Amino acid sequence: MTTQQILLMTCLYLAALVAVTYFTRATGRRVMGARVGGAVVAFMPLRVIAFGEALGWWRIPFAATPYFVTSL
């Protein structure tokens, strides 16, 4: 994905969050709880990947670019 596509998708996700919050009439506490839970779950794979690489189970190639590049 290019930087422009990443920004577009981020804006679309934000619009979806606002729409779901409005139509479900979620309270601020419930929205923040969902966001914190989502952040925890989003960072868990990073720890699992680091753990797997430290044990030598797998290696994930890294490209220092703002978009995902597939490795063939």
N, C-alpha and C. Protein backbone atom coordinates (compact mmCIF):
# COMPACT_ATOMS: atom_id res chain seq x y z
N MET A 1 0.83 -1.18 0.00
CA MET A 1 0.00 0.00 0.00
C MET A 1 0.88 1.24 0.00
N THR A 2 0.41 2.24 -0.67
CA THR A 2 1.13 3.51 -0.68
C THR A 2 0.70 4.34 0.53
N THR A 3 1.42 5.39 0.78
CA THR A 3 1.09 6.27 1.92
C THR A 3 -0.30 6.87 1.74
N GLN A 4 -0.64 7.24 0.53
CA GLN A 4 -1.95 7.83 0.26
C GLN A 4 -3.06 6.81 0.56
N GLN A 5 -2.88 5.56 0.20
CA GLN A 5 -3.88 4.54 0.48
C GLN A 5 -4.00 4.28 1.98
N ILE A 6 -2.88 4.30 2.69
CA ILE A 6 -2.91 4.11 4.13
C ILE A 6 -3.70 5.24 4.80
N LEU A 7 -3.47 6.47 4.39
CA LEU A 7 -4.20 7.61 4.95
C LEU A 7 -5.69 7.53 4.61
N LEU A 8 -6.02 7.12 3.40
CA LEU A 8 -7.42 6.99 2.99
C LEU A 8 -8.12 5.94 3.85
N MET A 9 -7.49 4.79 4.04
CA MET A 9 -8.10 3.73 4.84
C MET A 9 -8.25 4.15 6.30
N THR A 10 -7.27 4.91 6.82
CA THR A 10 -7.36 5.40 8.19
C THR A 10 -8.57 6.31 8.34
N CYS A 11 -8.79 7.19 7.39
CA CYS A 11 -9.95 8.09 7.43
C CYS A 11 -11.26 7.31 7.32
N LEU A 12 -11.28 6.29 6.48
CA LEU A 12 -12.49 5.47 6.35
C LEU A 12 -12.78 4.71 7.63
N TYR A 13 -11.74 4.18 8.28
CA TYR A 13 -11.95 3.49 9.56
C TYR A 13 -12.45 4.46 10.62
N LEU A 14 -11.94 5.68 10.63
CA LEU A 14 -12.40 6.67 11.59
C LEU A 14 -13.87 7.01 11.35
N ALA A 15 -14.26 7.16 10.08
CA ALA A 15 -15.65 7.44 9.75
C ALA A 15 -16.55 6.28 10.18
N ALA A 16 -16.08 5.05 9.99
CA ALA A 16 -16.86 3.88 10.42
C ALA A 16 -17.01 3.86 11.93
N LEU A 17 -15.95 4.20 12.66
CA LEU A 17 -16.01 4.25 14.11
C LEU A 17 -17.05 5.28 14.58
N VAL A 18 -17.04 6.44 13.97
CA VAL A 18 -18.00 7.49 14.33
C VAL A 18 -19.42 7.04 14.02
N ALA A 19 -19.63 6.41 12.87
CA ALA A 19 -20.97 5.95 12.49
C ALA A 19 -21.47 4.87 13.43
N VAL A 20 -20.64 3.90 13.75
CA VAL A 20 -21.05 2.82 14.65
C VAL A 20 -21.32 3.38 16.05
N THR A 21 -20.49 4.30 16.50
CA THR A 21 -20.69 4.91 17.81
C THR A 21 -22.02 5.66 17.85
N TYR A 22 -22.34 6.37 16.79
CA TYR A 22 -23.59 7.15 16.74
C TYR A 22 -24.81 6.22 16.70
N PHE A 23 -24.79 5.24 15.81
CA PHE A 23 -25.98 4.40 15.64
C PHE A 23 -26.21 3.43 16.79
N THR A 24 -25.17 3.05 17.49
CA THR A 24 -25.35 2.15 18.64
C THR A 24 -25.51 2.93 19.94
N ARG A 25 -25.36 4.23 19.87
CA ARG A 25 -25.47 5.10 21.04
C ARG A 25 -24.54 4.67 22.16
N ALA A 26 -23.32 4.31 21.78
CA ALA A 26 -22.33 3.86 22.75
C ALA A 26 -21.86 5.03 23.61
N THR A 27 -21.63 4.75 24.87
CA THR A 27 -21.13 5.78 25.77
C THR A 27 -19.63 5.96 25.55
N GLY A 28 -19.11 7.05 26.05
CA GLY A 28 -17.68 7.32 25.91
C GLY A 28 -16.83 6.26 26.58
N ARG A 29 -17.31 5.77 27.72
CA ARG A 29 -16.57 4.73 28.44
C ARG A 29 -16.48 3.45 27.62
N ARG A 30 -17.58 3.08 26.96
CA ARG A 30 -17.60 1.87 26.15
C ARG A 30 -16.71 2.01 24.92
N VAL A 31 -16.71 3.19 24.30
CA VAL A 31 -15.86 3.43 23.13
C VAL A 31 -14.39 3.37 23.52
N MET A 32 -14.03 4.01 24.62
CA MET A 32 -12.63 3.98 25.06
C MET A 32 -12.20 2.56 25.44
N GLY A 33 -13.08 1.81 26.07
CA GLY A 33 -12.78 0.42 26.40
C GLY A 33 -12.52 -0.42 25.17
N ALA A 34 -13.33 -0.20 24.14
CA ALA A 34 -13.15 -0.94 22.88
C ALA A 34 -11.84 -0.54 22.21
N ARG A 35 -11.50 0.74 22.27
CA ARG A 35 -10.25 1.20 21.65
C ARG A 35 -9.03 0.65 22.39
N VAL A 36 -9.08 0.66 23.71
CA VAL A 36 -7.96 0.12 24.49
C VAL A 36 -7.82 -1.38 24.24
N GLY A 37 -8.93 -2.10 24.23
CA GLY A 37 -8.88 -3.53 23.94
C GLY A 37 -8.34 -3.81 22.56
N GLY A 38 -8.75 -3.01 21.58
CA GLY A 38 -8.24 -3.16 20.23
C GLY A 38 -6.75 -2.89 20.14
N ALA A 39 -6.27 -1.91 20.88
CA ALA A 39 -4.84 -1.59 20.87
C ALA A 39 -4.03 -2.73 21.49
N VAL A 40 -4.55 -3.32 22.55
CA VAL A 40 -3.85 -4.44 23.19
C VAL A 40 -3.75 -5.61 22.22
N VAL A 41 -4.85 -5.92 21.56
CA VAL A 41 -4.86 -7.03 20.62
C VAL A 41 -4.00 -6.72 19.39
N ALA A 42 -3.92 -5.46 19.00
CA ALA A 42 -3.11 -5.09 17.83
C ALA A 42 -1.62 -5.24 18.12
N PHE A 43 -1.20 -5.01 19.37
CA PHE A 43 0.22 -5.11 19.71
C PHE A 43 0.64 -6.52 20.12
N MET A 44 -0.30 -7.39 20.40
CA MET A 44 0.05 -8.76 20.78
C MET A 44 0.82 -9.49 19.68
N PRO A 45 0.41 -9.41 18.41
CA PRO A 45 1.18 -10.10 17.38
C PRO A 45 2.62 -9.63 17.28
N LEU A 46 2.89 -8.37 17.59
CA LEU A 46 4.26 -7.89 17.56
C LEU A 46 5.11 -8.62 18.58
N ARG A 47 4.57 -8.86 19.77
CA ARG A 47 5.30 -9.60 20.79
C ARG A 47 5.48 -11.06 20.39
N VAL A 48 4.45 -11.64 19.78
CA VAL A 48 4.54 -13.03 19.34
C VAL A 48 5.59 -13.17 18.24
N ILE A 49 5.62 -12.23 17.32
CA ILE A 49 6.62 -12.27 16.24
C ILE A 49 8.02 -12.15 16.82
N ALA A 50 8.22 -11.22 17.74
CA ALA A 50 9.54 -11.06 18.36
C ALA A 50 9.93 -12.32 19.12
N PHE A 51 8.99 -12.92 19.80
CA PHE A 51 9.26 -14.16 20.55
C PHE A 51 9.65 -15.30 19.60
N GLY A 52 8.90 -15.44 18.51
CA GLY A 52 9.20 -16.48 17.53
C GLY A 52 10.54 -16.29 16.86
N GLU A 53 10.89 -15.05 16.56
CA GLU A 53 12.19 -14.77 15.96
C GLU A 53 13.33 -15.03 16.96
N ALA A 54 13.11 -14.69 18.23
CA ALA A 54 14.14 -14.92 19.24
C ALA A 54 14.43 -16.41 19.44
N LEU A 55 13.40 -17.23 19.30
CA LEU A 55 13.58 -18.68 19.44
C LEU A 55 14.05 -19.34 18.15
N GLY A 56 14.06 -18.57 17.06
CA GLY A 56 14.51 -19.11 15.79
C GLY A 56 13.45 -19.92 15.06
N TRP A 57 12.19 -19.76 15.43
CA TRP A 57 11.12 -20.51 14.78
C TRP A 57 10.86 -19.98 13.37
N TRP A 58 11.00 -18.67 13.17
CA TRP A 58 10.79 -18.07 11.87
C TRP A 58 11.55 -16.77 11.78
N ARG A 59 11.63 -16.25 10.58
CA ARG A 59 12.27 -14.96 10.35
C ARG A 59 11.40 -14.20 9.37
N ILE A 60 11.06 -12.98 9.72
CA ILE A 60 10.24 -12.14 8.86
C ILE A 60 11.13 -11.07 8.25
N PRO A 61 11.20 -11.01 6.91
CA PRO A 61 12.03 -9.98 6.28
C PRO A 61 11.47 -8.59 6.56
N PHE A 62 12.37 -7.63 6.71
CA PHE A 62 11.97 -6.26 7.03
C PHE A 62 12.42 -5.32 5.92
N ALA A 63 11.49 -4.51 5.45
CA ALA A 63 11.81 -3.48 4.48
C ALA A 63 11.45 -2.14 5.12
N ALA A 64 12.37 -1.22 5.17
CA ALA A 64 12.15 0.08 5.83
C ALA A 64 11.40 1.02 4.89
N THR A 65 10.17 0.67 4.58
CA THR A 65 9.30 1.50 3.73
C THR A 65 7.97 1.66 4.42
N PRO A 66 7.20 2.71 4.11
CA PRO A 66 5.92 2.91 4.77
C PRO A 66 4.82 2.01 4.24
N TYR A 67 5.09 1.18 3.28
CA TYR A 67 4.08 0.28 2.75
C TYR A 67 4.59 -1.14 2.76
N PHE A 68 3.68 -2.08 2.66
CA PHE A 68 4.03 -3.49 2.72
C PHE A 68 4.58 -3.95 1.38
N VAL A 69 5.70 -4.61 1.41
CA VAL A 69 6.30 -5.16 0.21
C VAL A 69 6.36 -6.67 0.39
N THR A 70 5.80 -7.40 -0.56
CA THR A 70 5.81 -8.85 -0.43
C THR A 70 7.19 -9.37 -0.77
N SER A 71 7.58 -10.42 -0.11
CA SER A 71 8.87 -11.03 -0.34
C SER A 71 8.65 -12.36 -1.05
N LEU A 72 9.22 -12.49 -2.23
CA LEU A 72 9.03 -13.73 -3.00
C LEU A 72 10.09 -14.72 -2.70
